[in-house]
Amino acid sequence: MELISVTEEYYEFIRYLRTHPENRDGFILQEDITSDQQLDYMKKYSKNYFVCLSYGEAVGYVGVIDDDIRVCTHPENKGTGVGKFMLEKISLLFPEATGKIKEDNIASQKLFDKCGVPYTIL
């Protein structure tokens, strides 16, 4: 696996994962995101986002905004180590960053615990 800086070709992939029904509940804000909104957001924050590739295929993304980690894995790749890989790598790039995790998002809590990355329960 490798973590690469986000380029415009991955903006829609990130929006797809962020709004995917199997991922959506894990996010604090669960609003619909249009392609235009995603483009505007990524123009502002893309330097803080990374995509995880496995054998050249995008399988997840991770980003840090205001020291808040956002991590999301494609549903087909959950439980394969993608989230752990991304969280460990992003922690090296942003050592002060932490997570904000919903109380009922047990999978994210376990991931952050496994990686030793601090987080706050919301």
C-alpha atoms as a PDB file:
ATOM      1  CA  MET A   1       0.000   0.000   0.000  1.00  0.00           C
ATOM      2  CA  GLU A   2       1.032   3.568  -0.490  1.00  0.00           C
ATOM      3  CA  LEU A   3      -0.314   6.931   0.595  1.00  0.00           C
ATOM      4  CA  ILE A   4      -0.268   9.611  -2.086  1.00  0.00           C
ATOM      5  CA  SER A   5      -1.175  13.288  -2.061  1.00  0.00           C
ATOM      6  CA  VAL A   6      -4.654  13.940  -3.392  1.00  0.00           C
ATOM      7  CA  THR A   7      -4.974  15.227  -6.914  1.00  0.00           C
ATOM      8  CA  GLU A   8      -8.142  16.370  -8.638  1.00  0.00           C
ATOM      9  CA  GLU A   9      -8.708  12.918 -10.131  1.00  0.00           C
ATOM     10  CA  TYR A  10      -9.519  11.632  -6.600  1.00  0.00           C
ATOM     11  CA  TYR A  11     -11.943  14.366  -5.498  1.00  0.00           C
ATOM     12  CA  GLU A  12     -15.010  12.373  -6.575  1.00  0.00           C
ATOM     13  CA  PHE A  13     -13.617   9.189  -5.033  1.00  0.00           C
ATOM     14  CA  ILE A  14     -13.393  10.988  -1.686  1.00  0.00           C
ATOM     15  CA  ARG A  15     -16.925  12.337  -2.066  1.00  0.00           C
ATOM     16  CA  TYR A  16     -18.160   8.849  -2.996  1.00  0.00           C
ATOM     17  CA  LEU A  17     -16.608   7.286   0.119  1.00  0.00           C
ATOM     18  CA  ARG A  18     -17.695  10.155   2.367  1.00  0.00           C
ATOM     19  CA  THR A  19     -21.339   9.790   1.320  1.00  0.00           C
ATOM     20  CA  HIS A  20     -21.427   5.996   0.850  1.00  0.00           C
ATOM     21  CA  PRO A  21     -24.293   4.500   2.901  1.00  0.00           C
ATOM     22  CA  GLU A  22     -21.921   2.122   4.697  1.00  0.00           C
ATOM     23  CA  ASN A  23     -19.637   5.011   5.749  1.00  0.00           C
ATOM     24  CA  ARG A  24     -21.975   7.936   6.203  1.00  0.00           C
ATOM     25  CA  ASP A  25     -23.124   7.107   9.736  1.00  0.00           C
ATOM     26  CA  GLY A  26     -19.535   7.190  10.978  1.00  0.00           C
ATOM     27  CA  PHE A  27     -19.208  10.893  10.228  1.00  0.00           C
ATOM     28  CA  ILE A  28     -20.357  13.598  12.597  1.00  0.00           C
ATOM     29  CA  LEU A  29     -21.856  15.674   9.783  1.00  0.00           C
ATOM     30  CA  GLN A  30     -23.968  13.505   7.492  1.00  0.00           C
ATOM     31  CA  GLU A  31     -25.159  15.975   4.908  1.00  0.00           C
ATOM     32  CA  ASP A  32     -25.313  15.410   1.169  1.00  0.00           C
ATOM     33  CA  ILE A  33     -22.326  16.787  -0.706  1.00  0.00           C
ATOM     34  CA  THR A  34     -22.642  17.895  -4.318  1.00  0.00           C
ATOM     35  CA  SER A  35     -19.811  17.626  -6.815  1.00  0.00           C
ATOM     36  CA  ASP A  36     -19.482  21.414  -6.795  1.00  0.00           C
ATOM     37  CA  GLN A  37     -19.297  21.537  -2.996  1.00  0.00           C
ATOM     38  CA  GLN A  38     -16.649  18.812  -3.060  1.00  0.00           C
ATOM     39  CA  LEU A  39     -14.618  20.691  -5.657  1.00  0.00           C
ATOM     40  CA  ASP A  40     -14.743  23.905  -3.603  1.00  0.00           C
ATOM     41  CA  TYR A  41     -13.768  22.054  -0.423  1.00  0.00           C
ATOM     42  CA  MET A  42     -10.895  20.201  -2.057  1.00  0.00           C
ATOM     43  CA  LYS A  43      -9.561  23.372  -3.677  1.00  0.00           C
ATOM     44  CA  LYS A  44      -9.212  24.727  -0.167  1.00  0.00           C
ATOM     45  CA  TYR A  45      -8.011  21.608   1.702  1.00  0.00           C
ATOM     46  CA  SER A  46      -6.553  19.121  -0.802  1.00  0.00           C
ATOM     47  CA  LYS A  47      -3.008  19.670   0.473  1.00  0.00           C
ATOM     48  CA  ASN A  48      -4.140  18.026   3.742  1.00  0.00           C
ATOM     49  CA  TYR A  49      -5.665  14.928   2.123  1.00  0.00           C
ATOM     50  CA  PHE A  50      -4.126  11.665   0.974  1.00  0.00           C
ATOM     51  CA  VAL A  51      -5.444   8.627  -0.872  1.00  0.00           C
ATOM     52  CA  CYS A  52      -4.390   5.082  -0.063  1.00  0.00           C
ATOM     53  CA  LEU A  53      -3.597   2.934  -3.072  1.00  0.00           C
ATOM     54  CA  SER A  54      -3.384  -0.826  -3.001  1.00  0.00           C
ATOM     55  CA  TYR A  55      -1.982  -2.308  -6.208  1.00  0.00           C
ATOM     56  CA  GLY A  56      -2.758   1.025  -7.904  1.00  0.00           C
ATOM     57  CA  GLU A  57      -6.420   1.001  -6.794  1.00  0.00           C
ATOM     58  CA  ALA A  58      -7.802   3.710  -4.492  1.00  0.00           C
ATOM     59  CA  VAL A  59      -9.055   1.997  -1.315  1.00  0.00           C
ATOM     60  CA  GLY A  60      -9.400   4.840   1.192  1.00  0.00           C
ATOM     61  CA  TYR A  61      -8.513   8.382   2.137  1.00  0.00           C
ATOM     62  CA  VAL A  62      -7.233  10.255   5.143  1.00  0.00           C
ATOM     63  CA  GLY A  63      -6.940  13.951   5.885  1.00  0.00           C
ATOM     64  CA  VAL A  64      -6.232  16.392   8.660  1.00  0.00           C
ATOM     65  CA  ILE A  65      -7.991  19.733   9.037  1.00  0.00           C
ATOM     66  CA  ASP A  66      -7.251  21.871  12.111  1.00  0.00           C
ATOM     67  CA  ASP A  67      -5.508  18.876  13.753  1.00  0.00           C
ATOM     68  CA  ASP A  68      -8.657  16.746  13.295  1.00  0.00           C
ATOM     69  CA  ILE A  69      -8.095  13.420  11.509  1.00  0.00           C
ATOM     70  CA  ARG A  70     -10.641  12.192   8.974  1.00  0.00           C
ATOM     71  CA  VAL A  71     -10.163   8.620   7.784  1.00  0.00           C
ATOM     72  CA  CYS A  72     -12.391   6.524   5.538  1.00  0.00           C
ATOM     73  CA  THR A  73     -11.950   3.109   3.939  1.00  0.00           C
ATOM     74  CA  HIS A  74     -13.858   1.727   0.979  1.00  0.00           C
ATOM     75  CA  PRO A  75     -16.451  -0.746   2.329  1.00  0.00           C
ATOM     76  CA  GLU A  76     -14.918  -3.575   0.284  1.00  0.00           C
ATOM     77  CA  ASN A  77     -11.575  -3.018   2.038  1.00  0.00           C
ATOM     78  CA  LYS A  78     -12.700  -2.769   5.658  1.00  0.00           C
ATOM     79  CA  GLY A  79     -10.857  -5.124   7.965  1.00  0.00           C
ATOM     80  CA  THR A  80      -7.889  -5.478   5.611  1.00  0.00           C
ATOM     81  CA  GLY A  81      -5.474  -3.105   7.369  1.00  0.00           C
ATOM     82  CA  VAL A  82      -6.111  -0.108   5.101  1.00  0.00           C
ATOM     83  CA  GLY A  83      -7.402   2.093   7.922  1.00  0.00           C
ATOM     84  CA  LYS A  84      -4.507   1.143  10.187  1.00  0.00           C
ATOM     85  CA  PHE A  85      -1.998   1.852   7.422  1.00  0.00           C
ATOM     86  CA  MET A  86      -3.505   5.285   6.711  1.00  0.00           C
ATOM     87  CA  LEU A  87      -3.798   6.285  10.359  1.00  0.00           C
ATOM     88  CA  GLU A  88      -0.225   5.281  11.148  1.00  0.00           C
ATOM     89  CA  LYS A  89       1.111   7.200   8.123  1.00  0.00           C
ATOM     90  CA  ILE A  90      -0.933  10.346   8.770  1.00  0.00           C
ATOM     91  CA  SER A  91       0.171  10.347  12.419  1.00  0.00           C
ATOM     92  CA  LEU A  92       3.776  10.629  11.243  1.00  0.00           C
ATOM     93  CA  LEU A  93       2.914  13.602   9.016  1.00  0.00           C
ATOM     94  CA  PHE A  94       0.674  15.325  11.592  1.00  0.00           C
ATOM     95  CA  PRO A  95       1.886  14.107  15.014  1.00  0.00           C
ATOM     96  CA  GLU A  96      -0.320  16.560  16.951  1.00  0.00           C
ATOM     97  CA  ALA A  97      -3.517  15.535  15.158  1.00  0.00           C
ATOM     98  CA  THR A  98      -6.258  13.623  16.967  1.00  0.00           C
ATOM     99  CA  GLY A  99      -9.628  12.155  16.091  1.00  0.00           C
ATOM    100  CA  LYS A 100     -13.180  13.132  16.924  1.00  0.00           C
ATOM    101  CA  ILE A 101     -15.256   9.976  16.945  1.00  0.00           C
ATOM    102  CA  LYS A 102     -18.966   9.448  17.448  1.00  0.00           C
ATOM    103  CA  GLU A 103     -19.800   7.460  20.568  1.00  0.00           C
ATOM    104  CA  ASP A 104     -21.421   4.686  18.544  1.00  0.00           C
ATOM    105  CA  ASN A 105     -18.569   4.401  16.016  1.00  0.00           C
ATOM    106  CA  ILE A 106     -16.872   1.456  17.709  1.00  0.00           C
ATOM    107  CA  ALA A 107     -14.852   0.498  14.612  1.00  0.00           C
ATOM    108  CA  SER A 108     -13.125   3.906  14.550  1.00  0.00           C
ATOM    109  CA  GLN A 109     -12.509   3.803  18.286  1.00  0.00           C
ATOM    110  CA  LYS A 110     -10.840   0.389  17.923  1.00  0.00           C
ATOM    111  CA  LEU A 111      -8.768   1.643  14.998  1.00  0.00           C
ATOM    112  CA  PHE A 112      -7.479   4.698  16.871  1.00  0.00           C
ATOM    113  CA  ASP A 113      -6.796   2.566  19.962  1.00  0.00           C
ATOM    114  CA  LYS A 114      -4.872   0.007  17.902  1.00  0.00           C
ATOM    115  CA  CYS A 115      -2.731   2.762  16.377  1.00  0.00           C
ATOM    116  CA  GLY A 116      -2.246   4.614  19.668  1.00  0.00           C
ATOM    117  CA  VAL A 117      -3.730   7.815  18.245  1.00  0.00           C
ATOM    118  CA  PRO A 118      -5.690   9.943  20.732  1.00  0.00           C
ATOM    119  CA  TYR A 119      -9.297  10.847  20.087  1.00  0.00           C
ATOM    120  CA  THR A 120     -12.294  12.498  21.670  1.00  0.00           C
ATOM    121  CA  ILE A 121     -15.700  10.812  21.885  1.00  0.00           C
ATOM    122  CA  LEU A 122     -18.573  12.976  20.675  1.00  0.00           C
END
